[in-house]
Amino acid sequence: MADVFDQVNGVPLEKLVAGIAGDSAEMDAIAAMVESTMKAEAAKSIDTGRFEESITTVKAGRGKDRIVGSTDPLAVPKEFGHIIRDEKGGPELGYVPGMHILGKTLARLPKVD
């Protein structure tokens, strides 16, 4: 049997609590910290700042979630690396290692217990 206090105006409590947290200034501050750390890592690359400029924070999920990411269409190969070929299906000419900006950012962020 459901508890009388598991909903408020028909909204499950877990959704209500998540919505309150999502509206908090602390969530904005954490997203800003992640974005600035990512940009600092990207600034260390030889990409002349273009990748750094593509890093942004957007709100999603009814404006409650923050997603820090890149608008660069080549973000995935830049992060993880890629093989060089002179034509599709051609022989491998070399490999460009990834910049691992996201991985380095995660390593620099404070740990939460």
N, C-alpha and C. Protein backbone atom coordinates (compact mmCIF):
# COMPACT_ATOMS: atom_id res chain seq x y z
N MET A 1 0.83 -1.17 0.00
CA MET A 1 0.00 0.00 0.00
C MET A 1 0.88 1.25 0.00
N ALA A 2 0.47 2.25 -0.77
CA ALA A 2 1.25 3.49 -0.88
C ALA A 2 1.10 4.31 0.39
N ASP A 3 2.16 4.96 0.74
CA ASP A 3 2.17 5.86 1.89
C ASP A 3 1.43 7.14 1.53
N VAL A 4 0.74 7.72 2.45
CA VAL A 4 -0.01 8.95 2.22
C VAL A 4 0.93 10.08 1.81
N PHE A 5 2.19 10.03 2.28
CA PHE A 5 3.13 11.13 2.04
C PHE A 5 4.09 10.88 0.89
N ASP A 6 3.78 9.93 -0.01
CA ASP A 6 4.72 9.65 -1.09
C ASP A 6 4.47 10.54 -2.32
N GLN A 7 3.47 11.42 -2.24
CA GLN A 7 3.18 12.34 -3.34
C GLN A 7 2.76 13.70 -2.79
N VAL A 8 3.01 14.74 -3.58
CA VAL A 8 2.54 16.08 -3.26
C VAL A 8 1.82 16.59 -4.49
N ASN A 9 0.55 16.85 -4.34
CA ASN A 9 -0.29 17.28 -5.47
C ASN A 9 -0.16 16.33 -6.66
N GLY A 10 -0.07 15.04 -6.38
CA GLY A 10 0.02 14.03 -7.43
C GLY A 10 1.40 13.83 -8.01
N VAL A 11 2.39 14.56 -7.53
CA VAL A 11 3.77 14.45 -8.03
C VAL A 11 4.55 13.56 -7.06
N PRO A 12 5.17 12.46 -7.56
CA PRO A 12 5.99 11.62 -6.67
C PRO A 12 7.09 12.45 -6.01
N LEU A 13 7.35 12.15 -4.74
CA LEU A 13 8.33 12.93 -3.97
C LEU A 13 9.71 12.94 -4.62
N GLU A 14 10.16 11.79 -5.18
CA GLU A 14 11.50 11.78 -5.78
C GLU A 14 11.59 12.75 -6.95
N LYS A 15 10.50 12.92 -7.71
CA LYS A 15 10.51 13.90 -8.80
C LYS A 15 10.51 15.32 -8.26
N LEU A 16 9.75 15.53 -7.21
CA LEU A 16 9.69 16.86 -6.60
C LEU A 16 11.05 17.27 -6.05
N VAL A 17 11.71 16.36 -5.34
CA VAL A 17 13.02 16.64 -4.76
C VAL A 17 14.06 16.87 -5.86
N ALA A 18 14.03 16.04 -6.92
CA ALA A 18 14.97 16.22 -8.04
C ALA A 18 14.76 17.57 -8.71
N GLY A 19 13.51 17.99 -8.83
CA GLY A 19 13.21 19.28 -9.43
C GLY A 19 13.74 20.44 -8.60
N ILE A 20 13.62 20.32 -7.28
CA ILE A 20 14.14 21.36 -6.39
C ILE A 20 15.66 21.45 -6.52
N ALA A 21 16.33 20.30 -6.52
CA ALA A 21 17.80 20.29 -6.67
C ALA A 21 18.19 20.85 -8.03
N GLY A 22 17.42 20.52 -9.07
CA GLY A 22 17.74 20.99 -10.41
C GLY A 22 17.63 22.49 -10.57
N ASP A 23 16.81 23.12 -9.74
CA ASP A 23 16.65 24.57 -9.80
C ASP A 23 17.68 25.32 -8.96
N SER A 24 18.57 24.59 -8.31
CA SER A 24 19.46 25.23 -7.35
C SER A 24 20.66 25.92 -8.01
N ALA A 25 21.13 26.95 -7.34
CA ALA A 25 22.33 27.67 -7.79
C ALA A 25 23.56 26.78 -7.71
N GLU A 26 23.54 25.81 -6.79
CA GLU A 26 24.67 24.89 -6.65
C GLU A 26 24.86 24.06 -7.92
N MET A 27 23.77 23.64 -8.55
CA MET A 27 23.88 22.88 -9.80
C MET A 27 24.51 23.75 -10.89
N ASP A 28 24.13 25.02 -10.94
CA ASP A 28 24.74 25.93 -11.91
C ASP A 28 26.23 26.10 -11.62
N ALA A 29 26.59 26.21 -10.33
CA ALA A 29 27.99 26.40 -9.94
C ALA A 29 28.82 25.17 -10.32
N ILE A 30 28.28 23.98 -10.11
CA ILE A 30 29.01 22.76 -10.47
C ILE A 30 29.20 22.67 -11.97
N ALA A 31 28.15 22.98 -12.73
CA ALA A 31 28.27 22.95 -14.19
C ALA A 31 29.30 23.97 -14.67
N ALA A 32 29.32 25.15 -14.05
CA ALA A 32 30.30 26.17 -14.43
C ALA A 32 31.71 25.70 -14.11
N MET A 33 31.89 25.00 -12.98
CA MET A 33 33.20 24.49 -12.62
C MET A 33 33.67 23.42 -13.62
N VAL A 34 32.75 22.54 -14.01
CA VAL A 34 33.10 21.50 -15.00
C VAL A 34 33.45 22.16 -16.33
N GLU A 35 32.65 23.12 -16.77
CA GLU A 35 32.92 23.80 -18.04
C GLU A 35 34.27 24.52 -18.01
N SER A 36 34.56 25.25 -16.94
CA SER A 36 35.83 25.99 -16.90
C SER A 36 37.03 25.03 -16.84
N THR A 37 36.87 23.91 -16.14
CA THR A 37 37.95 22.92 -16.08
C THR A 37 38.18 22.31 -17.45
N MET A 38 37.07 22.00 -18.15
CA MET A 38 37.19 21.45 -19.50
C MET A 38 37.88 22.43 -20.44
N LYS A 39 37.51 23.69 -20.35
CA LYS A 39 38.12 24.71 -21.21
C LYS A 39 39.60 24.87 -20.89
N ALA A 40 39.97 24.77 -19.62
CA ALA A 40 41.38 24.88 -19.24
C ALA A 40 42.17 23.71 -19.82
N GLU A 41 41.60 22.52 -19.80
CA GLU A 41 42.27 21.35 -20.39
C GLU A 41 42.37 21.51 -21.91
N ALA A 42 41.30 22.00 -22.53
CA ALA A 42 41.30 22.19 -23.98
C ALA A 42 42.31 23.25 -24.40
N ALA A 43 42.51 24.26 -23.55
CA ALA A 43 43.45 25.34 -23.87
C ALA A 43 44.88 24.83 -23.96
N LYS A 44 45.16 23.69 -23.36
CA LYS A 44 46.51 23.12 -23.41
C LYS A 44 46.81 22.45 -24.75
N SER A 45 45.79 22.24 -25.57
CA SER A 45 46.00 21.56 -26.85
C SER A 45 46.53 22.55 -27.89
N ILE A 46 46.94 22.01 -29.02
CA ILE A 46 47.47 22.85 -30.10
C ILE A 46 46.38 23.24 -31.10
N ASP A 47 45.14 23.14 -30.67
CA ASP A 47 43.99 23.35 -31.54
C ASP A 47 43.65 24.84 -31.70
N THR A 48 44.49 25.72 -31.31
CA THR A 48 44.34 27.18 -31.44
C THR A 48 43.05 27.73 -30.86
N GLY A 49 42.52 27.08 -29.84
CA GLY A 49 41.36 27.60 -29.15
C GLY A 49 40.01 27.27 -29.75
N ARG A 50 39.99 26.69 -30.95
CA ARG A 50 38.69 26.40 -31.56
C ARG A 50 37.90 25.37 -30.76
N PHE A 51 38.57 24.32 -30.30
CA PHE A 51 37.86 23.32 -29.52
C PHE A 51 37.41 23.90 -28.18
N GLU A 52 38.27 24.69 -27.58
CA GLU A 52 37.94 25.34 -26.31
C GLU A 52 36.66 26.18 -26.45
N GLU A 53 36.55 26.90 -27.56
CA GLU A 53 35.39 27.75 -27.79
C GLU A 53 34.11 26.95 -28.02
N SER A 54 34.24 25.67 -28.39
CA SER A 54 33.06 24.84 -28.66
C SER A 54 32.47 24.23 -27.39
N ILE A 55 33.14 24.40 -26.26
CA ILE A 55 32.68 23.81 -25.01
C ILE A 55 31.63 24.72 -24.39
N THR A 56 30.50 24.14 -24.06
CA THR A 56 29.39 24.93 -23.54
C THR A 56 28.53 24.10 -22.59
N THR A 57 27.74 24.77 -21.81
CA THR A 57 26.78 24.11 -20.92
C THR A 57 25.38 24.41 -21.41
N VAL A 58 24.56 23.38 -21.52
CA VAL A 58 23.16 23.56 -21.90
C VAL A 58 22.29 22.93 -20.82
N LYS A 59 21.09 23.45 -20.70
CA LYS A 59 20.12 22.85 -19.78
C LYS A 59 19.25 21.90 -20.58
N ALA A 60 18.95 20.77 -19.97
CA ALA A 60 18.14 19.75 -20.63
C ALA A 60 17.15 19.19 -19.62
N GLY A 61 16.33 18.26 -20.05
CA GLY A 61 15.41 17.61 -19.14
C GLY A 61 14.50 18.59 -18.43
N ARG A 62 13.74 19.36 -19.19
CA ARG A 62 12.85 20.40 -18.64
C ARG A 62 13.63 21.49 -17.94
N GLY A 63 14.87 21.69 -18.35
CA GLY A 63 15.69 22.77 -17.80
C GLY A 63 16.28 22.47 -16.45
N LYS A 64 16.22 21.21 -16.01
CA LYS A 64 16.70 20.85 -14.67
C LYS A 64 18.12 20.30 -14.70
N ASP A 65 18.50 19.62 -15.79
CA ASP A 65 19.82 19.00 -15.89
C ASP A 65 20.76 19.93 -16.64
N ARG A 66 22.04 19.83 -16.33
CA ARG A 66 23.06 20.57 -17.07
C ARG A 66 23.94 19.57 -17.80
N ILE A 67 24.20 19.85 -19.06
CA ILE A 67 25.09 19.00 -19.85
C ILE A 67 26.23 19.88 -20.33
N VAL A 68 27.44 19.51 -19.95
CA VAL A 68 28.63 20.23 -20.40
C VAL A 68 29.22 19.39 -21.53
N GLY A 69 29.37 20.00 -22.68
CA GLY A 69 29.88 19.25 -23.83
C GLY A 69 30.44 20.18 -24.88
N SER A 70 30.67 19.61 -26.04
CA SER A 70 31.25 20.35 -27.14
C SER A 70 30.30 20.34 -28.33
N THR A 71 30.23 21.47 -29.01
CA THR A 71 29.44 21.56 -30.24
C THR A 71 30.27 21.21 -31.46
N ASP A 72 31.54 20.90 -31.26
CA ASP A 72 32.44 20.53 -32.35
C ASP A 72 32.03 19.18 -32.91
N PRO A 73 31.72 19.08 -34.22
CA PRO A 73 31.32 17.79 -34.78
C PRO A 73 32.44 16.74 -34.74
N LEU A 74 33.66 17.17 -34.51
CA LEU A 74 34.79 16.24 -34.42
C LEU A 74 35.23 16.00 -32.97
N ALA A 75 34.35 16.29 -32.02
CA ALA A 75 34.70 16.15 -30.61
C ALA A 75 35.08 14.72 -30.25
N VAL A 76 34.38 13.73 -30.76
CA VAL A 76 34.67 12.33 -30.40
C VAL A 76 36.05 11.90 -30.90
N PRO A 77 36.39 12.08 -32.19
CA PRO A 77 37.74 11.70 -32.59
C PRO A 77 38.83 12.54 -31.93
N LYS A 78 38.53 13.78 -31.59
CA LYS A 78 39.52 14.60 -30.89
C LYS A 78 39.74 14.06 -29.47
N GLU A 79 38.68 13.60 -28.84
CA GLU A 79 38.79 13.06 -27.48
C GLU A 79 39.52 11.71 -27.47
N PHE A 80 39.12 10.81 -28.36
CA PHE A 80 39.62 9.43 -28.30
C PHE A 80 40.70 9.08 -29.31
N GLY A 81 40.95 9.95 -30.28
CA GLY A 81 41.94 9.66 -31.31
C GLY A 81 41.29 9.08 -32.55
N HIS A 82 42.08 9.04 -33.64
CA HIS A 82 41.54 8.50 -34.89
C HIS A 82 42.65 8.08 -35.84
N ILE A 83 42.28 7.20 -36.73
CA ILE A 83 43.20 6.70 -37.76
C ILE A 83 43.16 7.66 -38.95
N ILE A 84 44.31 7.86 -39.58
CA ILE A 84 44.40 8.71 -40.77
C ILE A 84 44.44 7.81 -42.00
N ARG A 85 43.60 8.11 -42.97
CA ARG A 85 43.58 7.42 -44.27
C ARG A 85 43.46 8.50 -45.34
N ASP A 86 44.00 8.27 -46.52
CA ASP A 86 43.86 9.27 -47.58
C ASP A 86 42.55 9.13 -48.34
N GLU A 87 41.88 7.99 -48.17
CA GLU A 87 40.57 7.80 -48.76
C GLU A 87 39.81 6.78 -47.93
N LYS A 88 38.49 6.84 -48.01
CA LYS A 88 37.67 5.92 -47.23
C LYS A 88 38.00 4.47 -47.61
N GLY A 89 38.28 3.68 -46.59
CA GLY A 89 38.63 2.28 -46.82
C GLY A 89 40.07 2.08 -47.27
N GLY A 90 40.82 3.16 -47.43
CA GLY A 90 42.22 3.05 -47.84
C GLY A 90 43.11 2.56 -46.71
N PRO A 91 44.37 2.40 -47.01
CA PRO A 91 45.28 1.88 -45.98
C PRO A 91 45.48 2.91 -44.86
N GLU A 92 45.80 2.40 -43.68
CA GLU A 92 46.08 3.26 -42.55
C GLU A 92 47.42 3.97 -42.78
N LEU A 93 47.41 5.28 -42.67
CA LEU A 93 48.62 6.07 -42.85
C LEU A 93 49.23 6.50 -41.52
N GLY A 94 48.43 6.44 -40.49
CA GLY A 94 48.93 6.84 -39.18
C GLY A 94 47.79 6.92 -38.19
N TYR A 95 48.14 7.33 -37.00
CA TYR A 95 47.15 7.44 -35.93
C TYR A 95 47.40 8.74 -35.17
N VAL A 96 46.32 9.48 -34.94
CA VAL A 96 46.39 10.71 -34.15
C VAL A 96 45.83 10.38 -32.77
N PRO A 97 46.65 10.47 -31.73
CA PRO A 97 46.15 10.15 -30.40
C PRO A 97 45.11 11.17 -29.93
N GLY A 98 44.20 10.72 -29.09
CA GLY A 98 43.17 11.61 -28.56
C GLY A 98 43.74 12.59 -27.56
N MET A 99 43.03 13.71 -27.39
CA MET A 99 43.44 14.72 -26.43
C MET A 99 42.95 14.37 -25.02
N HIS A 100 41.94 13.54 -24.90
CA HIS A 100 41.40 13.07 -23.62
C HIS A 100 41.05 14.23 -22.69
N ILE A 101 40.46 15.26 -23.25
CA ILE A 101 40.10 16.45 -22.48
C ILE A 101 39.04 16.11 -21.44
N LEU A 102 38.04 15.35 -21.82
CA LEU A 102 37.00 14.97 -20.87
C LEU A 102 37.57 14.10 -19.76
N GLY A 103 38.39 13.13 -20.13
CA GLY A 103 39.01 12.27 -19.12
C GLY A 103 39.89 13.04 -18.15
N LYS A 104 40.66 13.98 -18.66
CA LYS A 104 41.52 14.80 -17.80
C LYS A 104 40.68 15.72 -16.91
N THR A 105 39.56 16.20 -17.46
CA THR A 105 38.66 17.04 -16.66
C THR A 105 38.09 16.24 -15.50
N LEU A 106 37.62 15.05 -15.78
CA LEU A 106 37.07 14.21 -14.71
C LEU A 106 38.10 13.92 -13.62
N ALA A 107 39.34 13.72 -14.02
CA ALA A 107 40.40 13.45 -13.05
C ALA A 107 40.68 14.66 -12.17
N ARG A 108 40.46 15.86 -12.68
CA ARG A 108 40.75 17.09 -11.92
C ARG A 108 39.62 17.52 -11.00
N LEU A 109 38.41 17.02 -11.23
CA LEU A 109 37.27 17.46 -10.42
C LEU A 109 37.33 16.88 -9.02
N PRO A 110 36.81 17.61 -8.03
CA PRO A 110 36.81 17.10 -6.67
C PRO A 110 35.97 15.83 -6.56
N LYS A 111 36.42 14.93 -5.74
CA LYS A 111 35.70 13.68 -5.53
C LYS A 111 34.58 13.91 -4.51
N VAL A 112 33.45 13.27 -4.74
CA VAL A 112 32.30 13.39 -3.85
C VAL A 112 32.08 12.03 -3.20
N ASP A 113 32.02 12.03 -1.88
CA ASP A 113 31.77 10.77 -1.15
C ASP A 113 30.30 10.59 -0.90
